[in-house]
């Protein structure tokens, strides 16, 4: 559900691929951000597997959001075929692993270095920190880009939705604050989809 300005930035991230590692998204949903990244990666000559992880089982909130965009999906529907259709139009070598995160991250094999890692679905702990910790050993110091696509989601949860549980969605923010010496802010979009992108500087 990210706006065009974020998709443009993600395409540029793909175009800047250096060939040192793979690209992936954790929490892909219907594939809009993955498609944007792949468009840039293809321009850069990407020749690795693209990894996608999601449970791909629509809940009520997802069905409602999709309907607002004119997309008809049913509660409980398997969305993996829709994701694959959307991303394979850009790139063929897609490895889509369906199931609960972080358990499915165990399927990341042969565990190559990761150059671009986008996080969407894991927003709360312990899921968020468990997922990050499983992938951190594959990050490349000074190279890996970590995109936290719901970094500022807590603001919407607190101010727009007026939900009392907004602090639970601070997991990505607290992680970056704790390891502020290990990451450098590249760009953020607090008012356009809530994303933030960071360069991984050194091992944690």
Protein backbone atom coordinates (compact mmCIF):
# COMPACT_ATOMS: atom_id res chain seq x y z
CA UNK A 1 0.00 0.00 0.00
CA UNK A 2 3.02 2.28 -0.31
CA UNK A 3 2.59 5.42 -2.46
CA UNK A 4 4.37 6.08 -5.78
CA UNK A 5 7.14 8.18 -4.18
CA UNK A 6 8.18 5.15 -2.11
CA UNK A 7 8.02 2.82 -5.11
CA UNK A 8 10.26 5.22 -7.02
CA UNK A 9 12.79 5.16 -4.20
CA UNK A 10 12.67 1.36 -4.02
CA UNK A 11 13.29 1.13 -7.78
CA UNK A 12 16.37 3.30 -7.28
CA UNK A 13 17.57 0.93 -4.55
CA UNK A 14 17.29 -1.91 -7.04
CA UNK A 15 19.16 0.06 -9.70
CA UNK A 16 22.00 0.55 -7.20
CA UNK A 17 22.47 -3.21 -6.66
CA UNK A 18 26.21 -3.95 -6.57
CA UNK A 19 26.11 -7.72 -7.07
CA UNK A 20 27.38 -8.55 -3.59
CA UNK A 21 24.23 -10.25 -2.30
CA UNK A 22 20.63 -11.29 -2.81
CA UNK A 23 17.45 -9.24 -2.41
CA UNK A 24 14.36 -10.20 -0.44
CA UNK A 25 11.16 -9.00 1.16
CA UNK A 26 9.71 -10.30 4.42
CA UNK A 27 5.97 -9.71 4.35
CA UNK A 28 5.27 -9.33 0.63
CA UNK A 29 1.46 -9.37 0.54
CA UNK A 30 0.39 -8.77 -3.10
CA UNK A 31 3.86 -7.84 -4.29
CA UNK A 32 3.71 -4.12 -5.11
CA UNK A 33 6.95 -3.21 -3.33
CA UNK A 34 8.69 -6.37 -4.50
CA UNK A 35 7.68 -5.56 -8.07
CA UNK A 36 9.12 -2.06 -7.77
CA UNK A 37 12.38 -3.38 -6.35
CA UNK A 38 12.62 -6.03 -9.05
CA UNK A 39 12.17 -3.45 -11.80
CA UNK A 40 15.26 -1.67 -10.53
CA UNK A 41 17.17 -4.89 -9.93
CA UNK A 42 16.55 -6.07 -13.49
CA UNK A 43 17.93 -2.78 -14.81
CA UNK A 44 21.05 -3.38 -12.69
CA UNK A 45 21.51 -6.88 -14.10
CA UNK A 46 20.30 -8.84 -11.07
CA UNK A 47 20.98 -12.53 -11.59
CA UNK A 48 20.19 -14.11 -8.21
CA UNK A 49 17.08 -15.66 -6.70
CA UNK A 50 14.64 -13.12 -5.30
CA UNK A 51 13.24 -14.30 -1.97
CA UNK A 52 9.76 -13.54 -0.66
CA UNK A 53 8.31 -14.58 2.69
CA UNK A 54 4.68 -14.24 3.77
CA UNK A 55 1.83 -16.24 5.24
CA UNK A 56 -0.28 -15.22 2.20
CA UNK A 57 -3.59 -15.90 3.92
CA UNK A 58 -5.91 -12.91 3.74
CA UNK A 59 -7.45 -11.60 6.94
CA UNK A 60 -10.33 -9.16 7.29
CA UNK A 61 -8.10 -6.08 7.40
CA UNK A 62 -6.27 -7.13 4.23
CA UNK A 63 -9.54 -7.86 2.42
CA UNK A 64 -10.80 -4.42 3.39
CA UNK A 65 -7.61 -2.65 2.28
CA UNK A 66 -7.63 -4.51 -1.02
CA UNK A 67 -11.28 -3.55 -1.63
CA UNK A 68 -10.39 0.10 -1.12
CA UNK A 69 -7.95 -0.29 -4.03
CA UNK A 70 -10.49 -2.09 -6.20
CA UNK A 71 -8.99 -5.55 -5.62
CA UNK A 72 -11.39 -8.31 -4.60
CA UNK A 73 -9.97 -10.90 -2.20
CA UNK A 74 -11.76 -13.10 0.30
CA UNK A 75 -10.95 -13.69 3.95
CA UNK A 76 -8.78 -16.79 4.20
CA UNK A 77 -7.81 -16.69 0.52
CA UNK A 78 -4.36 -17.92 -0.45
CA UNK A 79 -2.71 -14.83 -1.92
CA UNK A 80 0.55 -16.46 -3.00
CA UNK A 81 -0.65 -17.04 -6.60
CA UNK A 82 -1.56 -13.36 -6.86
CA UNK A 83 1.87 -12.37 -5.55
CA UNK A 84 3.62 -14.66 -8.00
CA UNK A 85 1.62 -13.33 -10.93
CA UNK A 86 2.52 -9.75 -10.02
CA UNK A 87 6.25 -10.30 -9.52
CA UNK A 88 6.93 -12.86 -12.24
CA UNK A 89 5.89 -10.23 -14.77
CA UNK A 90 9.14 -8.49 -13.73
CA UNK A 91 11.48 -11.38 -12.95
CA UNK A 92 11.34 -15.16 -13.20
CA UNK A 93 13.66 -16.46 -10.48
CA UNK A 94 11.35 -16.02 -7.50
CA UNK A 95 11.49 -18.19 -4.38
CA UNK A 96 8.27 -17.57 -2.46
CA UNK A 97 8.07 -19.28 0.93
CA UNK A 98 4.59 -19.40 2.44
CA UNK A 99 4.03 -19.74 6.19
CA UNK A 100 4.43 -18.03 9.52
CA UNK A 101 7.33 -15.65 10.00
CA UNK A 102 9.99 -16.09 11.37
CA UNK A 103 9.76 -19.89 11.05
CA UNK A 104 9.79 -19.70 7.26
CA UNK A 105 13.08 -17.77 7.31
CA UNK A 106 14.75 -21.11 8.10
CA UNK A 107 14.18 -21.91 4.42
CA UNK A 108 16.55 -19.14 3.33
CA UNK A 109 19.11 -21.34 1.63
CA UNK A 110 21.92 -21.43 0.59
CA UNK A 111 22.07 -18.52 3.03
CA UNK A 112 23.92 -16.14 0.72
CA UNK A 113 24.83 -12.61 1.79
CA UNK A 114 21.85 -10.25 1.67
CA UNK A 115 22.27 -6.90 -0.07
CA UNK A 116 18.69 -5.59 0.08
CA UNK A 117 16.25 -6.67 2.79
CA UNK A 118 12.77 -5.18 3.04
CA UNK A 119 10.66 -5.81 6.12
CA UNK A 120 6.92 -5.25 6.05
CA UNK A 121 4.90 -7.87 7.93
CA UNK A 122 6.85 -8.22 11.19
CA UNK A 123 5.84 -5.11 13.16
CA UNK A 124 5.77 -6.31 16.75
CA UNK A 125 7.98 -8.30 19.07
CA UNK A 126 8.90 -11.05 19.49
CA UNK A 127 8.22 -11.69 15.77
CA UNK A 128 10.13 -8.63 14.60
CA UNK A 129 13.30 -9.13 16.61
CA UNK A 130 13.32 -12.89 16.04
CA UNK A 131 13.07 -12.32 12.28
CA UNK A 132 15.79 -9.67 12.20
CA UNK A 133 18.13 -11.82 14.28
CA UNK A 134 17.75 -14.73 11.86
CA UNK A 135 18.86 -12.61 8.91
CA UNK A 136 21.47 -10.32 10.49
CA UNK A 137 24.30 -12.85 10.10
CA UNK A 138 23.84 -12.54 6.32
CA UNK A 139 23.98 -8.72 6.22
CA UNK A 140 27.03 -7.15 4.54
CA UNK A 141 28.64 -4.33 6.57
CA UNK A 142 28.67 -1.09 4.63
CA UNK A 143 26.47 -2.57 1.88
CA UNK A 144 23.17 -4.06 3.05
CA UNK A 145 20.09 -1.85 2.85
CA UNK A 146 17.37 -2.58 5.41
CA UNK A 147 13.98 -1.21 4.45
CA UNK A 148 11.51 -1.05 7.34
CA UNK A 149 8.28 -0.45 5.46
CA UNK A 150 6.15 0.16 8.55
CA UNK A 151 8.76 2.00 10.60
CA UNK A 152 6.36 4.84 11.44
CA UNK A 153 3.23 2.68 11.58
CA UNK A 154 2.88 3.33 15.29
CA UNK A 155 2.07 6.99 14.52
CA UNK A 156 -0.98 5.99 12.51
CA UNK A 157 -1.95 3.44 15.12
CA UNK A 158 -1.75 6.13 17.83
CA UNK A 159 -3.07 9.24 16.10
CA UNK A 160 -5.32 8.16 13.22
CA UNK A 161 -6.69 4.87 14.48
CA UNK A 162 -6.50 5.89 18.16
CA UNK A 163 -5.61 2.37 19.20
CA UNK A 164 -4.33 1.82 22.73
CA UNK A 165 -1.83 -0.81 21.59
CA UNK A 166 0.26 1.60 19.48
CA UNK A 167 3.38 1.12 21.61
CA UNK A 168 3.55 -2.54 20.54
CA UNK A 169 4.32 -1.33 17.01
CA UNK A 170 7.45 0.51 18.12
CA UNK A 171 9.54 -2.65 17.71
CA UNK A 172 11.35 -1.46 14.51
CA UNK A 173 11.98 1.99 16.00
CA UNK A 174 13.31 0.60 19.27
CA UNK A 175 15.58 -1.77 17.35
CA UNK A 176 17.17 1.03 15.35
CA UNK A 177 17.49 3.23 18.44
CA UNK A 178 19.22 0.44 20.33
CA UNK A 179 21.68 -0.16 17.50
CA UNK A 180 22.01 3.41 16.25
CA UNK A 181 25.76 2.97 15.82
CA UNK A 182 25.20 0.03 13.48
CA UNK A 183 22.78 1.66 11.05
CA UNK A 184 22.67 4.91 9.08
CA UNK A 185 19.41 6.48 7.95
CA UNK A 186 19.24 6.73 4.16
CA UNK A 187 15.68 8.00 3.66
CA UNK A 188 12.34 8.00 5.44
CA UNK A 189 8.74 8.64 4.45
CA UNK A 190 6.75 9.20 7.67
CA UNK A 191 3.87 10.82 5.80
CA UNK A 192 3.98 8.63 2.69
CA UNK A 193 3.50 5.04 3.74
CA UNK A 194 5.57 5.21 6.98
CA UNK A 195 8.75 3.67 5.47
CA UNK A 196 12.36 4.18 6.48
CA UNK A 197 15.54 2.83 4.87
CA UNK A 198 18.86 2.22 6.58
CA UNK A 199 22.40 1.24 5.59
CA UNK A 200 23.88 -1.53 7.74
CA UNK A 201 27.28 -0.23 8.84
CA UNK A 202 28.85 -2.81 11.13
CA UNK A 203 28.07 -6.10 12.90
CA UNK A 204 25.89 -6.06 15.99
